[in-house]
Amino acid sequence: MKIRAGLAAAGMAVLAAVGKGQAPTAAPAAAAPIHVEKLADGVWAADVHKGANVGWFLLGDGVVAVDSGSDSAVGQEILEEIAKTTGGKPVRALILTHSHADHSGGARAFVAAGARVICHESQAGAILAFVTQASTDPKDLLAGKSNLRPLVESISERAILVDGIHNVQIYFLGAAHTKGDLVVYLNADKILYSGDVALTGRMPFMQSPDVDPDGWVRALQAIGRVPVEKLVPGHGEIGPAKGVQESYVYVKAVDDMANKFLSKGLPEERVDAQVHDAENAIPGLAMSDAHTANVKASYHAIKEKTARAAATPTAPAVTPKPK
């Protein structure tokens, strides 16, 4: 699977499909049962009625889960589905692709079940604070378990989990949707759990306070060099790998637009108007408030990143002394 370099005609069709999707923060109008799909032998994913897509797979004598739903109640529902599909094997670890609540809100249920939590090092403090906070809510599975000491492991760039059969690769490809996005790749099955770095049929949400549009483009380019046969996106249809390309085309278009505005010295307060200008329209993509907000947020993020880089002193060049 290869990433296209530009917005070719096929890319326009991709944008048309993405434009019809909702932003990932939009919740379904009504609750529905968790829909579980078996992707390969010992590998599953699920469309959760509340929160982001989740997944799990067998590893060693237990199970590793990816993301946890939006709250403890949903997390418990996911755990019940995991037990059904795996014959009741224990969940040994929970990988959180990032700390947004729709992905991490159910983590306390997993911790209560004995799972350790794996996340990027930039998210570890927030995740640990969340899973260790005191609670008197009788519905909270951690309430009253003062003897439980949650374990949060952090990853800097890469980790590999192996059991002699499976090879699970966890990557941090740089700041993208957030400053701490992880993706999980099952090498033998060519299955990717992408978190919100890649969505299928949905418009990527580029308004996180720590978004890095340039980094997001690079992350998707890196993913595009990996053979992915099945994708579990943060949101959207599970299975088709097209979400990587869809997300790349859209994020690249927004990133290019924001960088163009900055290079021309466009004031931030004029970005909204320029997004709606005909010359900046993206063929195949319907104009929407979500798209405009993505461009404005990307402009601001790139501007702030550029300002920080300019303010960072560089080490003076060392001139070798003549011998």
Protein backbone atom coordinates (compact mmCIF):
# COMPACT_ATOMS: atom_id res chain seq x y z
CA MET A 1 0.00 0.00 0.00
CA LYS A 2 1.53 3.32 -1.02
CA ILE A 3 0.70 6.92 -0.15
CA ARG A 4 0.15 9.19 -3.11
CA ALA A 5 2.26 12.32 -3.13
CA GLY A 6 -0.47 14.73 -4.19
CA LEU A 7 -4.19 15.26 -4.51
CA ALA A 8 -4.79 13.35 -7.69
CA ALA A 9 -8.19 12.55 -9.13
CA ALA A 10 -8.51 9.47 -6.93
CA GLY A 11 -7.70 11.65 -3.95
CA MET A 12 -10.63 13.87 -4.75
CA ALA A 13 -12.96 10.90 -4.48
CA VAL A 14 -11.39 10.13 -1.12
CA LEU A 15 -12.06 13.68 0.08
CA ALA A 16 -15.64 13.43 -1.04
CA ALA A 17 -16.06 10.32 1.09
CA VAL A 18 -14.29 11.87 4.06
CA GLY A 19 -16.36 15.02 3.82
CA LYS A 20 -19.52 13.01 4.36
CA GLY A 21 -18.23 11.61 7.65
CA GLN A 22 -18.73 13.17 11.06
CA ALA A 23 -15.97 14.54 13.22
CA PRO A 24 -14.72 11.84 15.58
CA THR A 25 -16.13 13.65 18.59
CA ALA A 26 -19.71 13.21 17.37
CA ALA A 27 -21.54 10.58 19.44
CA PRO A 28 -24.20 8.27 18.01
CA ALA A 29 -27.76 9.41 18.54
CA ALA A 30 -28.70 6.26 20.42
CA ALA A 31 -26.85 3.49 22.19
CA ALA A 32 -26.39 0.23 20.31
CA PRO A 33 -24.79 -3.09 21.17
CA ILE A 34 -21.05 -3.45 20.73
CA HIS A 35 -20.38 -4.92 17.29
CA VAL A 36 -17.43 -7.33 17.35
CA GLU A 37 -15.52 -8.44 14.25
CA LYS A 38 -12.95 -11.23 14.09
CA LEU A 39 -10.11 -9.98 11.88
CA ALA A 40 -7.79 -13.00 12.06
CA ASP A 41 -7.14 -16.02 14.22
CA GLY A 42 -6.98 -14.62 17.77
CA VAL A 43 -7.52 -11.01 16.66
CA TRP A 44 -10.68 -8.92 17.10
CA ALA A 45 -11.95 -5.36 16.85
CA ALA A 46 -15.20 -3.73 17.88
CA ASP A 47 -17.34 -0.75 16.98
CA VAL A 48 -18.33 0.59 20.40
CA HIS A 49 -21.60 2.47 20.76
CA LYS A 50 -19.95 5.03 23.04
CA GLY A 51 -16.38 6.02 22.31
CA ALA A 52 -13.77 5.06 19.77
CA ASN A 53 -13.24 1.71 18.07
CA VAL A 54 -11.37 -0.82 20.19
CA GLY A 55 -9.55 -4.08 19.59
CA TRP A 56 -7.85 -7.01 21.28
CA PHE A 57 -5.69 -10.00 20.45
CA LEU A 58 -4.24 -13.07 22.12
CA LEU A 59 -0.66 -12.86 23.33
CA GLY A 60 1.02 -15.47 25.51
CA ASP A 61 -1.41 -16.76 28.13
CA GLY A 62 -3.64 -13.71 27.99
CA VAL A 63 -5.07 -10.82 25.99
CA VAL A 64 -3.82 -7.38 24.98
CA ALA A 65 -6.48 -4.72 24.35
CA VAL A 66 -6.19 -1.51 22.35
CA ASP A 67 -8.22 1.42 23.73
CA SER A 68 -10.96 1.13 26.31
CA GLY A 69 -14.16 2.99 25.44
CA SER A 70 -15.34 6.26 26.93
CA ASP A 71 -16.09 5.35 30.55
CA SER A 72 -15.93 2.54 33.06
CA ALA A 73 -19.35 1.16 32.15
CA VAL A 74 -18.38 0.85 28.49
CA GLY A 75 -14.99 -0.51 29.51
CA GLN A 76 -16.76 -3.26 31.44
CA GLU A 77 -18.92 -4.08 28.42
CA ILE A 78 -15.79 -4.40 26.30
CA LEU A 79 -14.21 -6.70 28.88
CA GLU A 80 -17.30 -8.91 28.73
CA GLU A 81 -16.99 -9.13 24.94
CA ILE A 82 -13.30 -9.94 25.28
CA ALA A 83 -14.15 -12.78 27.68
CA LYS A 84 -16.73 -14.17 25.23
CA THR A 85 -14.35 -14.23 22.30
CA THR A 86 -11.24 -15.49 24.12
CA GLY A 87 -12.73 -18.11 26.40
CA GLY A 88 -12.30 -15.94 29.47
CA LYS A 89 -8.56 -15.37 29.13
CA PRO A 90 -7.27 -12.55 31.36
CA VAL A 91 -6.50 -9.13 29.89
CA ARG A 92 -2.84 -8.63 30.70
CA ALA A 93 -2.33 -5.23 29.08
CA LEU A 94 -4.25 -2.25 27.72
CA ILE A 95 -2.57 -0.10 25.07
CA LEU A 96 -3.98 3.42 24.89
CA THR A 97 -3.38 5.08 21.54
CA HIS A 98 -3.68 8.47 23.27
CA SER A 99 -5.33 10.04 26.31
CA HIS A 100 -8.52 11.50 24.79
CA ALA A 101 -11.50 10.36 26.84
CA ASP A 102 -13.26 8.46 24.05
CA HIS A 103 -10.21 6.16 23.91
CA SER A 104 -9.05 6.11 27.54
CA GLY A 105 -12.19 6.68 29.62
CA GLY A 106 -12.74 2.97 30.23
CA ALA A 107 -9.19 2.34 31.42
CA ARG A 108 -10.22 2.10 35.08
CA ALA A 109 -12.34 -0.96 34.30
CA PHE A 110 -9.32 -2.63 32.70
CA VAL A 111 -7.08 -1.72 35.63
CA ALA A 112 -9.67 -3.16 38.01
CA ALA A 113 -9.49 -6.38 35.97
CA GLY A 114 -5.73 -6.53 36.52
CA ALA A 115 -4.40 -5.08 33.25
CA ARG A 116 -1.33 -2.91 33.09
CA VAL A 117 -1.60 0.22 30.93
CA ILE A 118 0.78 1.03 28.08
CA CYS A 119 0.87 4.55 26.60
CA HIS A 120 3.28 7.12 25.20
CA GLU A 121 5.55 8.78 27.75
CA SER A 122 3.93 12.18 27.16
CA GLN A 123 0.56 10.75 28.23
CA ALA A 124 1.73 8.63 31.17
CA GLY A 125 1.29 11.27 33.86
CA ALA A 126 -2.28 12.08 32.88
CA ILE A 127 -3.21 8.42 32.48
CA LEU A 128 -1.71 7.46 35.85
CA ALA A 129 -3.54 10.33 37.56
CA PHE A 130 -6.80 9.18 35.98
CA VAL A 131 -6.54 5.51 36.92
CA THR A 132 -5.38 6.23 40.47
CA GLN A 133 -7.83 8.98 41.40
CA ALA A 134 -10.04 8.28 44.39
CA SER A 135 -13.71 7.56 43.80
CA THR A 136 -16.77 6.87 45.93
CA ASP A 137 -19.00 6.09 42.97
CA PRO A 138 -20.42 2.58 43.56
CA LYS A 139 -20.44 2.04 39.78
CA ASP A 140 -16.71 2.72 39.59
CA LEU A 141 -14.95 -0.64 39.53
CA LEU A 142 -11.90 0.84 41.29
CA ALA A 143 -13.87 2.42 44.14
CA GLY A 144 -12.77 0.95 47.45
CA LYS A 145 -9.83 -0.97 45.97
CA SER A 146 -7.19 0.93 47.91
CA ASN A 147 -4.83 -2.05 47.77
CA LEU A 148 -4.68 -2.02 43.97
CA ARG A 149 -1.59 -0.34 42.56
CA PRO A 150 -2.12 0.36 38.84
CA LEU A 151 0.92 -0.04 36.62
CA VAL A 152 1.42 2.38 33.73
CA GLU A 153 4.24 1.68 31.28
CA SER A 154 5.43 4.39 28.93
CA ILE A 155 6.91 4.09 25.46
CA SER A 156 9.29 6.61 23.96
CA GLU A 157 9.51 5.47 20.33
CA ARG A 158 8.93 1.76 19.92
CA ALA A 159 8.13 -1.43 21.79
CA ILE A 160 7.75 -5.01 20.58
CA LEU A 161 5.69 -7.70 22.29
CA VAL A 162 6.40 -11.28 21.25
CA ASP A 163 5.29 -14.69 22.50
CA GLY A 164 7.02 -16.96 20.00
CA ILE A 165 4.01 -16.82 17.67
CA HIS A 166 2.94 -13.19 17.49
CA ASN A 167 5.00 -10.10 16.80
CA VAL A 168 3.25 -6.96 18.03
CA GLN A 169 4.90 -3.65 17.19
CA ILE A 170 3.90 -0.47 19.04
CA TYR A 171 5.15 2.73 17.43
CA PHE A 172 5.26 6.41 18.25
CA LEU A 173 5.67 8.06 14.85
CA GLY A 174 5.89 11.60 16.21
CA ALA A 175 3.29 14.10 17.32
CA ALA A 176 0.25 14.04 15.03
CA HIS A 177 -3.39 14.06 16.21
CA THR A 178 -1.85 14.61 19.66
CA LYS A 179 1.68 14.77 21.02
CA GLY A 180 1.47 11.14 22.13
CA ASP A 181 -0.21 8.99 19.47
CA LEU A 182 0.64 5.30 19.38
CA VAL A 183 -0.18 2.88 16.58
CA VAL A 184 -0.17 -0.92 16.99
CA TYR A 185 0.84 -3.20 14.15
CA LEU A 186 0.40 -6.98 14.10
CA ASN A 187 3.21 -7.98 11.79
CA ALA A 188 2.09 -11.51 10.87
CA ASP A 189 -1.52 -10.53 10.17
CA LYS A 190 -0.76 -7.09 8.66
CA ILE A 191 -3.39 -5.50 10.89
CA LEU A 192 -3.01 -1.92 12.11
CA TYR A 193 -4.75 -0.28 15.06
CA SER A 194 -4.27 3.38 14.18
CA GLY A 195 -6.08 5.33 16.89
CA ASP A 196 -7.11 8.73 15.55
CA VAL A 197 -4.06 9.05 13.30
CA ALA A 198 -6.16 7.37 10.60
CA LEU A 199 -9.96 7.30 10.30
CA THR A 200 -12.18 5.68 7.70
CA GLY A 201 -15.00 7.70 6.14
CA ARG A 202 -14.59 10.40 8.79
CA MET A 203 -13.03 13.82 8.75
CA PRO A 204 -9.89 13.77 10.90
CA PHE A 205 -10.17 15.96 14.00
CA MET A 206 -7.31 18.47 13.83
CA GLN A 207 -8.33 20.68 16.73
CA SER A 208 -6.53 19.01 19.63
CA PRO A 209 -4.53 21.56 21.67
CA ASP A 210 -1.35 19.56 20.97
CA VAL A 211 -1.99 18.73 17.32
CA ASP A 212 0.99 18.78 14.93
CA PRO A 213 -0.30 18.95 11.33
CA ASP A 214 3.16 18.64 9.75
CA GLY A 215 3.96 15.69 11.99
CA TRP A 216 0.62 14.07 11.18
CA VAL A 217 1.47 14.11 7.48
CA ARG A 218 4.82 12.47 8.21
CA ALA A 219 3.19 9.84 10.42
CA LEU A 220 0.74 8.87 7.69
CA GLN A 221 3.55 8.75 5.15
CA ALA A 222 5.39 6.32 7.42
CA ILE A 223 2.29 4.16 7.84
CA GLY A 224 1.85 4.16 4.08
CA ARG A 225 5.16 2.32 3.72
CA VAL A 226 3.90 -0.57 5.84
CA PRO A 227 1.77 -3.36 4.30
CA VAL A 228 -1.64 -2.99 5.95
CA GLU A 229 -4.36 -5.43 4.90
CA LYS A 230 -6.87 -4.59 7.63
CA LEU A 231 -7.25 -1.32 9.51
CA VAL A 232 -8.89 -0.65 12.86
CA PRO A 233 -9.27 3.13 12.67
CA GLY A 234 -10.01 5.29 15.68
CA HIS A 235 -13.44 5.94 14.17
CA GLY A 236 -15.20 4.65 11.10
CA GLU A 237 -15.51 1.34 9.30
CA ILE A 238 -13.30 -1.47 10.58
CA GLY A 239 -11.47 -3.58 8.02
CA PRO A 240 -10.75 -1.67 4.81
CA ALA A 241 -7.26 -0.15 4.78
CA LYS A 242 -8.43 2.85 2.72
CA GLY A 243 -8.63 5.00 5.86
CA VAL A 244 -4.87 5.55 5.77
CA GLN A 245 -5.08 7.06 2.31
CA GLU A 246 -8.25 8.98 3.09
CA SER A 247 -6.71 10.54 6.16
CA TYR A 248 -3.45 11.35 4.39
CA VAL A 249 -5.18 13.14 1.52
CA TYR A 250 -7.26 15.28 3.87
CA VAL A 251 -4.58 16.06 6.48
CA LYS A 252 -2.05 16.90 3.73
CA ALA A 253 -4.53 19.28 2.08
CA VAL A 254 -5.24 21.10 5.36
CA ASP A 255 -1.55 21.20 6.28
CA ASP A 256 -0.63 22.63 2.87
CA MET A 257 -3.33 25.28 3.14
CA ALA A 258 -2.29 26.35 6.64
CA ASN A 259 1.38 26.55 5.63
CA LYS A 260 0.45 28.58 2.54
CA PHE A 261 -1.46 31.08 4.65
CA LEU A 262 1.49 31.43 7.02
CA SER A 263 4.03 31.84 4.24
CA LYS A 264 1.94 34.69 2.82
CA GLY A 265 1.79 36.38 6.20
CA LEU A 266 -1.99 36.06 6.44
CA PRO A 267 -3.23 37.35 9.81
CA GLU A 268 -4.90 34.69 11.93
CA GLU A 269 -8.19 36.58 12.04
CA ARG A 270 -8.47 36.33 8.23
CA VAL A 271 -8.01 32.57 8.00
CA ASP A 272 -11.74 31.87 8.25
CA ALA A 273 -12.52 34.06 5.25
CA GLN A 274 -9.67 32.63 3.20
CA VAL A 275 -10.78 29.05 3.81
CA HIS A 276 -14.10 29.97 2.19
CA ASP A 277 -12.43 31.69 -0.76
CA ALA A 278 -12.98 29.80 -4.02
CA GLU A 279 -9.25 29.49 -4.73
CA ASN A 280 -8.78 27.51 -1.51
CA ALA A 281 -11.65 25.12 -2.04
CA ILE A 282 -10.62 21.47 -2.09
CA PRO A 283 -12.29 19.68 -5.02
CA GLY A 284 -14.60 16.95 -3.83
CA LEU A 285 -14.80 18.25 -0.27
CA ALA A 286 -17.94 20.06 0.87
CA MET A 287 -17.34 23.13 2.99
CA SER A 288 -18.27 22.63 6.65
CA ASP A 289 -17.70 24.23 10.03
CA ALA A 290 -15.56 21.23 11.02
CA HIS A 291 -13.26 21.70 8.02
CA THR A 292 -12.91 25.44 8.66
CA ALA A 293 -12.12 24.77 12.32
CA ASN A 294 -9.49 22.21 11.28
CA VAL A 295 -7.71 24.71 9.02
CA LYS A 296 -7.80 27.45 11.67
CA ALA A 297 -6.49 25.11 14.35
CA SER A 298 -3.74 23.83 12.04
CA TYR A 299 -2.71 27.38 11.13
CA HIS A 300 -2.48 28.27 14.82
CA ALA A 301 -0.57 25.11 15.72
CA ILE A 302 2.02 25.59 12.96
CA LYS A 303 2.38 29.28 13.82
CA GLU A 304 3.00 28.49 17.49
CA LYS A 305 5.46 25.71 16.65
CA THR A 306 7.38 28.04 14.32
CA ALA A 307 7.51 30.74 17.00
CA ARG A 308 8.82 28.28 19.61
CA ALA A 309 11.50 27.06 17.23
CA ALA A 310 12.59 30.64 16.50
CA ALA A 311 12.79 31.44 20.21
CA THR A 312 14.91 28.38 21.01
CA PRO A 313 18.58 29.35 21.14
CA THR A 314 20.88 27.29 19.00
CA ALA A 315 24.29 26.18 20.13
CA PRO A 316 27.08 28.33 18.63
CA ALA A 317 29.14 26.71 15.94
CA VAL A 318 32.50 25.44 17.18
CA THR A 319 35.43 26.51 15.07
CA PRO A 320 38.28 23.99 15.20
CA LYS A 321 41.48 25.40 16.58
CA PRO A 322 44.41 25.32 14.17
CA LYS A 323 46.98 22.69 15.04
